Protein backbone atom coordinates (compact mmCIF):
# COMPACT_ATOMS: atom_id res chain seq x y z
CA UNK A 1 -14.51 22.77 23.14
CA UNK A 2 -14.77 20.23 20.31
CA UNK A 3 -11.86 17.90 19.65
CA UNK A 4 -9.57 18.67 16.73
CA UNK A 5 -10.48 16.65 13.66
CA UNK A 6 -7.85 14.52 11.95
CA UNK A 7 -6.48 16.33 8.91
CA UNK A 8 -5.65 13.94 6.08
CA UNK A 9 -3.66 15.14 3.08
CA UNK A 10 -4.42 13.30 -0.15
CA UNK A 11 -2.05 13.21 -3.12
CA UNK A 12 -2.05 11.18 -6.35
CA UNK A 13 1.41 9.76 -7.14
CA UNK A 14 0.18 7.90 -10.22
CA UNK A 15 -3.08 8.49 -12.07
CA UNK A 16 -5.54 11.34 -11.59
CA UNK A 17 -8.73 11.33 -9.54
CA UNK A 18 -12.17 12.34 -10.70
CA UNK A 19 -13.51 15.20 -8.57
CA UNK A 20 -16.63 13.19 -7.76
CA UNK A 21 -14.44 10.81 -5.74
CA UNK A 22 -13.26 13.69 -3.55
CA UNK A 23 -16.85 14.79 -2.97
CA UNK A 24 -18.00 11.30 -2.00
CA UNK A 25 -15.06 10.63 0.33
CA UNK A 26 -15.46 14.02 2.01
CA UNK A 27 -19.15 13.29 2.59
CA UNK A 28 -18.33 9.91 4.18
CA UNK A 29 -15.69 11.50 6.43
CA UNK A 30 -18.32 13.82 7.88
CA UNK A 31 -17.30 15.11 11.29
CA UNK A 32 -14.58 12.49 11.82
CA UNK A 33 -11.89 13.95 9.59
CA UNK A 34 -10.91 16.66 7.14
CA UNK A 35 -9.78 14.99 3.89
CA UNK A 36 -7.76 17.62 2.02
CA UNK A 37 -7.28 16.81 -1.65
CA UNK A 38 -4.23 18.47 -3.18
CA UNK A 39 -5.12 20.18 -6.50
CA UNK A 40 -2.48 17.96 -8.09
CA UNK A 41 -4.87 15.01 -7.73
CA UNK A 42 -6.94 16.41 -10.60
CA UNK A 43 -4.15 17.24 -13.05
CA UNK A 44 -3.74 15.29 -16.29
CA UNK A 45 -0.48 14.70 -18.14
CA UNK A 46 -0.88 11.68 -20.38
CA UNK A 47 -1.22 8.65 -18.12
CA UNK A 48 -0.30 10.61 -15.00
CA UNK A 49 -1.87 13.05 -12.53
CA UNK A 50 0.48 15.79 -13.68
CA UNK A 51 4.17 15.65 -14.61
CA UNK A 52 6.60 13.79 -12.34
CA UNK A 53 7.79 17.07 -10.81
CA UNK A 54 4.24 18.18 -9.95
CA UNK A 55 3.41 14.84 -8.34
CA UNK A 56 6.66 14.84 -6.36
CA UNK A 57 6.16 18.46 -5.25
CA UNK A 58 2.62 17.73 -4.04
CA UNK A 59 3.84 14.77 -2.00
CA UNK A 60 6.67 16.79 -0.45
CA UNK A 61 4.41 19.76 0.29
CA UNK A 62 1.81 17.71 2.14
CA UNK A 63 4.33 15.41 3.86
CA UNK A 64 6.15 18.48 5.23
CA UNK A 65 2.94 20.27 6.29
CA UNK A 66 2.89 20.19 10.12
CA UNK A 67 -0.89 20.75 10.19
CA UNK A 68 -1.57 17.42 8.47
CA UNK A 69 -1.72 14.19 10.47
CA UNK A 70 -1.59 11.68 7.63
CA UNK A 71 -0.90 11.26 3.95
CA UNK A 72 -3.43 9.10 2.14
CA UNK A 73 -2.49 8.10 -1.39
CA UNK A 74 -5.46 8.70 -3.66
CA UNK A 75 -5.32 5.71 -5.96
CA UNK A 76 -3.14 3.22 -7.77
CA UNK A 77 -2.30 3.25 -11.44
CA UNK A 78 1.32 3.29 -12.50
CA UNK A 79 3.53 6.25 -11.57
CA UNK A 80 4.65 6.16 -7.94
CA UNK A 81 8.08 4.64 -8.66
CA UNK A 82 8.94 7.70 -10.78
CA UNK A 83 8.97 9.80 -7.59
CA UNK A 84 11.43 7.72 -5.59
CA UNK A 85 14.45 9.79 -6.58
CA UNK A 86 12.64 13.14 -6.75
CA UNK A 87 11.00 13.65 -3.37
CA UNK A 88 12.54 11.96 -0.36
CA UNK A 89 15.65 14.10 0.05
CA UNK A 90 13.32 17.07 0.60
CA UNK A 91 11.31 15.55 3.45
CA UNK A 92 11.69 17.23 6.84
CA UNK A 93 10.89 16.46 10.45
CA UNK A 94 7.11 16.94 10.05
CA UNK A 95 7.08 14.15 7.47
CA UNK A 96 8.43 11.71 10.06
CA UNK A 97 5.45 12.22 12.36
CA UNK A 98 2.75 11.18 9.88
CA UNK A 99 0.89 8.04 8.94
CA UNK A 100 1.08 7.06 5.25
CA UNK A 101 -1.38 4.67 3.65
CA UNK A 102 -2.04 3.18 0.24
CA UNK A 103 -1.56 -0.03 -1.71
CA UNK A 104 -1.10 -1.30 -5.26
CA UNK A 105 1.27 0.97 -7.25
CA UNK A 106 1.86 3.21 -4.22
CA UNK A 107 3.74 0.31 -2.66
CA UNK A 108 6.86 1.86 -4.20
CA UNK A 109 6.47 4.84 -1.88
CA UNK A 110 5.54 2.65 1.09
CA UNK A 111 8.76 0.70 0.49
CA UNK A 112 11.01 3.75 0.60
CA UNK A 113 9.15 5.27 3.56
CA UNK A 114 9.72 2.03 5.46
CA UNK A 115 13.32 1.79 4.27
CA UNK A 116 14.08 5.31 5.48
CA UNK A 117 12.13 4.97 8.75
CA UNK A 118 9.74 7.81 7.88
CA UNK A 119 6.44 7.83 9.75
CA UNK A 120 3.98 5.00 10.29
CA UNK A 121 3.50 3.07 7.05
CA UNK A 122 0.37 1.07 6.24
CA UNK A 123 -0.94 -0.97 3.31
CA UNK A 124 -4.66 -0.28 3.11
CA UNK A 125 -7.66 1.11 1.19
CA UNK A 126 -7.50 4.36 -0.79
CA UNK A 127 -10.07 7.02 -1.75
CA UNK A 128 -10.53 5.59 -5.27
CA UNK A 129 -11.89 2.37 -3.73
CA UNK A 130 -15.17 4.28 -3.40
CA UNK A 131 -15.72 3.40 -7.08
CA UNK A 132 -15.89 -0.34 -6.30
CA UNK A 133 -19.24 -1.93 -5.53
CA UNK A 134 -19.54 -1.68 -1.75
CA UNK A 135 -16.51 0.62 -1.70
CA UNK A 136 -17.88 2.79 1.08
CA UNK A 137 -16.92 0.05 3.53
CA UNK A 138 -13.28 0.21 2.41
CA UNK A 139 -13.19 4.00 2.68
CA UNK A 140 -14.78 3.92 6.14
CA UNK A 141 -12.24 1.29 7.22
CA UNK A 142 -9.41 3.53 6.08
CA UNK A 143 -10.84 6.62 7.76
CA UNK A 144 -11.40 4.69 10.97
CA UNK A 145 -7.75 3.69 10.98
CA UNK A 146 -6.36 7.10 10.01
CA UNK A 147 -8.42 8.91 12.66
CA UNK A 148 -7.88 6.24 15.31
CA UNK A 149 -11.64 5.99 15.79
CA UNK A 150 -11.86 2.26 15.06
CA UNK A 151 -8.80 1.12 16.96
CA UNK A 152 -7.67 -2.17 15.41
CA UNK A 153 -11.00 -3.08 13.83
CA UNK A 154 -9.82 -2.63 10.25
CA UNK A 155 -6.43 -4.31 10.64
CA UNK A 156 -5.76 -7.77 9.18
CA UNK A 157 -6.16 -10.11 12.19
CA UNK A 158 -3.08 -12.08 11.13
CA UNK A 159 -0.95 -9.04 11.98
CA UNK A 160 -2.26 -8.55 15.50
CA UNK A 161 0.15 -11.16 16.84
CA UNK A 162 3.62 -10.01 17.98
CA UNK A 163 6.03 -9.85 15.07
CA UNK A 164 7.12 -7.71 12.14
CA UNK A 165 4.97 -7.19 9.05
CA UNK A 166 4.97 -5.68 5.58
CA UNK A 167 2.54 -5.91 2.65
CA UNK A 168 2.87 -5.29 -1.07
CA UNK A 169 1.37 -5.92 -4.47
CA UNK A 170 3.32 -8.80 -6.05
CA UNK A 171 4.02 -6.95 -9.31
CA UNK A 172 5.22 -3.80 -7.56
CA UNK A 173 7.35 -5.73 -5.09
CA UNK A 174 8.97 -7.78 -7.85
CA UNK A 175 9.79 -4.59 -9.77
CA UNK A 176 11.66 -3.22 -6.74
CA UNK A 177 13.92 -6.26 -6.37
CA UNK A 178 17.52 -5.20 -6.93
CA UNK A 179 16.80 -1.45 -6.99
CA UNK A 180 17.91 -0.65 -3.46
CA UNK A 181 14.55 0.90 -2.57
CA UNK A 182 13.21 -2.03 -0.53
CA UNK A 183 13.35 -1.88 3.28
CA UNK A 184 15.16 -4.47 5.35
CA UNK A 185 12.53 -7.19 5.73
CA UNK A 186 14.61 -9.51 7.90
CA UNK A 187 12.28 -11.34 10.27
CA UNK A 188 9.13 -9.82 8.77
CA UNK A 189 6.02 -11.65 7.67
CA UNK A 190 5.73 -10.54 4.03
CA UNK A 191 2.15 -10.33 2.80
CA UNK A 192 1.53 -10.26 -0.95
CA UNK A 193 -1.50 -9.70 -3.20
CA UNK A 194 -2.23 -8.87 -6.83
CA UNK A 195 -4.89 -8.40 -9.48
CA UNK A 196 -5.19 -9.00 -13.20
CA UNK A 197 -2.07 -11.14 -13.66
CA UNK A 198 -1.89 -14.45 -15.52
CA UNK A 199 -0.85 -17.44 -13.43
CA UNK A 200 2.38 -17.80 -15.42
CA UNK A 201 3.26 -14.17 -14.66
CA UNK A 202 2.60 -14.71 -10.96
CA UNK A 203 4.88 -17.73 -11.18
CA UNK A 204 7.65 -15.69 -12.83
CA UNK A 205 7.38 -12.90 -10.25
CA UNK A 206 7.41 -15.33 -7.34
CA UNK A 207 10.57 -16.86 -8.82
CA UNK A 208 12.16 -13.40 -8.75
CA UNK A 209 10.92 -12.55 -5.26
CA UNK A 210 11.79 -15.80 -3.52
CA UNK A 211 15.18 -16.14 -5.25
CA UNK A 212 16.35 -12.85 -3.75
CA UNK A 213 18.81 -13.35 -0.87
CA UNK A 214 17.37 -10.48 1.15
CA UNK A 215 13.79 -11.71 0.77
CA UNK A 216 14.91 -15.14 1.95
CA UNK A 217 15.54 -13.52 5.36
CA UNK A 218 11.82 -12.95 5.98
CA UNK A 219 9.99 -14.89 8.68
CA UNK A 220 7.59 -16.16 6.05
CA UNK A 221 5.12 -15.19 3.32
CA UNK A 222 1.35 -14.90 3.51
CA UNK A 223 -0.70 -14.70 0.32
CA UNK A 224 -3.59 -12.30 -0.01
CA UNK A 225 -6.16 -12.39 -2.77
CA UNK A 226 -5.14 -12.44 -6.44
CA UNK A 227 -8.24 -11.20 -8.20
CA UNK A 228 -9.38 -11.11 -11.83
CA UNK A 229 -6.81 -13.62 -13.06
CA UNK A 230 -7.06 -13.76 -16.90
CA UNK A 231 -7.66 -17.08 -18.61
CA UNK A 232 -4.59 -18.17 -20.56
CA UNK A 233 -4.85 -20.13 -23.81
CA UNK A 234 -3.08 -23.01 -22.02
CA UNK A 235 -4.11 -23.72 -18.44
CA UNK A 236 -1.15 -23.17 -16.14
CA UNK A 237 -2.10 -26.11 -13.97
CA UNK A 238 -1.54 -24.48 -10.57
CA UNK A 239 -3.48 -21.97 -8.49
CA UNK A 240 -1.92 -18.82 -7.11
CA UNK A 241 -1.66 -20.45 -3.67
CA UNK A 242 0.09 -23.48 -5.18
CA UNK A 243 2.47 -21.17 -7.05
CA UNK A 244 3.46 -19.28 -3.91
CA UNK A 245 3.74 -22.47 -1.88
CA UNK A 246 5.98 -24.00 -4.55
CA UNK A 247 8.42 -21.08 -4.69
CA UNK A 248 8.55 -20.66 -0.93
CA UNK A 249 9.45 -24.33 -0.49
CA UNK A 250 11.99 -24.20 -3.28
CA UNK A 251 13.82 -21.26 -1.69
CA UNK A 252 13.55 -22.16 1.98
CA UNK A 253 10.89 -19.60 2.94
CA UNK A 254 8.04 -20.53 5.26
CA UNK A 255 4.59 -20.30 3.67
CA UNK A 256 2.27 -19.10 6.43
CA UNK A 257 -1.13 -19.29 4.75
CA UNK A 258 -3.53 -16.60 3.54
CA UNK A 259 -3.85 -12.89 4.31
CA UNK A 260 -7.00 -10.76 4.23
CA UNK A 261 -5.69 -8.21 1.73
CA UNK A 262 -6.33 -7.60 -1.97
CA UNK A 263 -7.64 -5.27 -4.66
CA UNK A 264 -11.21 -5.36 -3.32
CA UNK A 265 -13.51 -3.80 -0.75
CA UNK A 266 -12.48 -6.40 1.83
CA UNK A 267 -8.87 -5.21 1.79
CA UNK A 268 -7.69 -5.05 5.40
CA UNK A 269 -4.91 -2.84 6.78
CA UNK A 270 -1.35 -4.00 7.41
CA UNK A 271 0.91 -1.74 9.49
CA UNK A 272 4.56 -2.11 8.59
CA UNK A 273 7.20 -2.98 11.15
CA UNK A 274 7.30 -4.43 14.63
CA UNK A 275 4.24 -5.12 16.71
CA UNK A 276 3.75 -6.35 20.24
CA UNK A 277 6.00 -7.83 22.88
CA UNK A 278 9.19 -9.43 21.68
CA UNK A 279 8.82 -8.08 18.14
């Protein structure tokens, strides 16, 4: 008898997917997994993959489906935060037994999942990464993690040591400060990345993040890649690493170096929460 294949439910909490992405990801999955794309992924309602209610309903439906092993967020693009007060009260016991993975804008959902202790939460590649040059590698990394086939091969090596971890996009994380949706990150290594932000905007967001009393309880901050930084008319005079180092020092947070995460095909996986002995 053949082993049961991992069933992965895919929903789009922000922007819509092109159907060609579903076809390509399904082909890559082959015999290792059954990627099941909710019809909601292909809806269009202005900027979003359907109205807020449709996106929330799709998430709840798949999260509560006991035949699905994981929820894989389809792509980024603004919209996930609009579901935070529409979906979670409807999640049942089946939702607590799943793995959830995404990054970028879906960090809003990862934050509340972690806050509420729902399932195994991971920051990692999404189906839409197939559109990037070399994106097949990112999709295979994600599938290897979600199916368990690759063990720890796709996980950021910095998180293999005992400890507690969490990872977010800088912009998304900064937008959650003060909302009540963030998990308790006391003692965690907080890993941050971003794309397409001016240096001065990264500086402003790191001011917000590191000034927060709850964030100051983390074990330290690691900086992932900040890609495609626009050129400002006046040079800011500091790199993204210098910006993060500055604000960590100013607010008494340990800066722990770089992380292997970012909006690119090299984006590694970070599993939230405690890991290893003594964590």
